[in-house]
Amino acid sequence: MQLDSFFDIIELIIIFLPAKSSRKYYQKTKIN
């Protein structure tokens, strides 16, 4: 298994996911 590629994907998710979904998630959390 290529764990390096796996962690690279995780890293991309950690970087890009908050950038795109942080606002929606924040709004949901704030409402709740």
C-alpha atoms as a PDB file:
ATOM      1  CA  MET A   1       0.000   0.000   0.000  1.00  0.00           C
ATOM      2  CA  GLN A   2       1.161   3.524  -0.748  1.00  0.00           C
ATOM      3  CA  LEU A   3       0.639   5.233   2.573  1.00  0.00           C
ATOM      4  CA  ASP A   4       2.459   8.323   1.327  1.00  0.00           C
ATOM      5  CA  SER A   5      -0.194   8.907  -1.327  1.00  0.00           C
ATOM      6  CA  PHE A   6      -2.900   8.222   1.253  1.00  0.00           C
ATOM      7  CA  PHE A   7      -1.533  10.838   3.623  1.00  0.00           C
ATOM      8  CA  ASP A   8      -1.126  13.262   0.720  1.00  0.00           C
ATOM      9  CA  ILE A   9      -4.846  12.860   0.005  1.00  0.00           C
ATOM     10  CA  ILE A  10      -5.638  13.377   3.692  1.00  0.00           C
ATOM     11  CA  GLU A  11      -3.492  16.502   3.672  1.00  0.00           C
ATOM     12  CA  LEU A  12      -5.300  17.870   0.623  1.00  0.00           C
ATOM     13  CA  ILE A  13      -8.635  17.142   2.309  1.00  0.00           C
ATOM     14  CA  ILE A  14      -7.505  18.939   5.466  1.00  0.00           C
ATOM     15  CA  ILE A  15      -6.391  21.940   3.410  1.00  0.00           C
ATOM     16  CA  PHE A  16      -9.206  22.237   0.854  1.00  0.00           C
ATOM     17  CA  LEU A  17     -12.199  20.891   2.775  1.00  0.00           C
ATOM     18  CA  PRO A  18     -12.186  23.642   5.428  1.00  0.00           C
ATOM     19  CA  ALA A  19     -11.628  26.269   2.743  1.00  0.00           C
ATOM     20  CA  LYS A  20     -14.775  25.200   0.859  1.00  0.00           C
ATOM     21  CA  SER A  21     -17.030  23.888   3.649  1.00  0.00           C
ATOM     22  CA  SER A  22     -15.920  25.846   6.710  1.00  0.00           C
ATOM     23  CA  ARG A  23     -18.553  28.526   6.114  1.00  0.00           C
ATOM     24  CA  LYS A  24     -21.422  26.054   5.685  1.00  0.00           C
ATOM     25  CA  TYR A  25     -20.254  24.002   8.662  1.00  0.00           C
ATOM     26  CA  TYR A  26     -19.835  27.132  10.753  1.00  0.00           C
ATOM     27  CA  GLN A  27     -23.342  28.309   9.868  1.00  0.00           C
ATOM     28  CA  LYS A  28     -24.845  24.924  10.775  1.00  0.00           C
ATOM     29  CA  THR A  29     -22.911  24.838  14.034  1.00  0.00           C
ATOM     30  CA  LYS A  30     -23.874  28.419  14.825  1.00  0.00           C
ATOM     31  CA  ILE A  31     -27.560  27.758  14.145  1.00  0.00           C
ATOM     32  CA  ASN A  32     -27.521  24.630  16.253  1.00  0.00           C
END
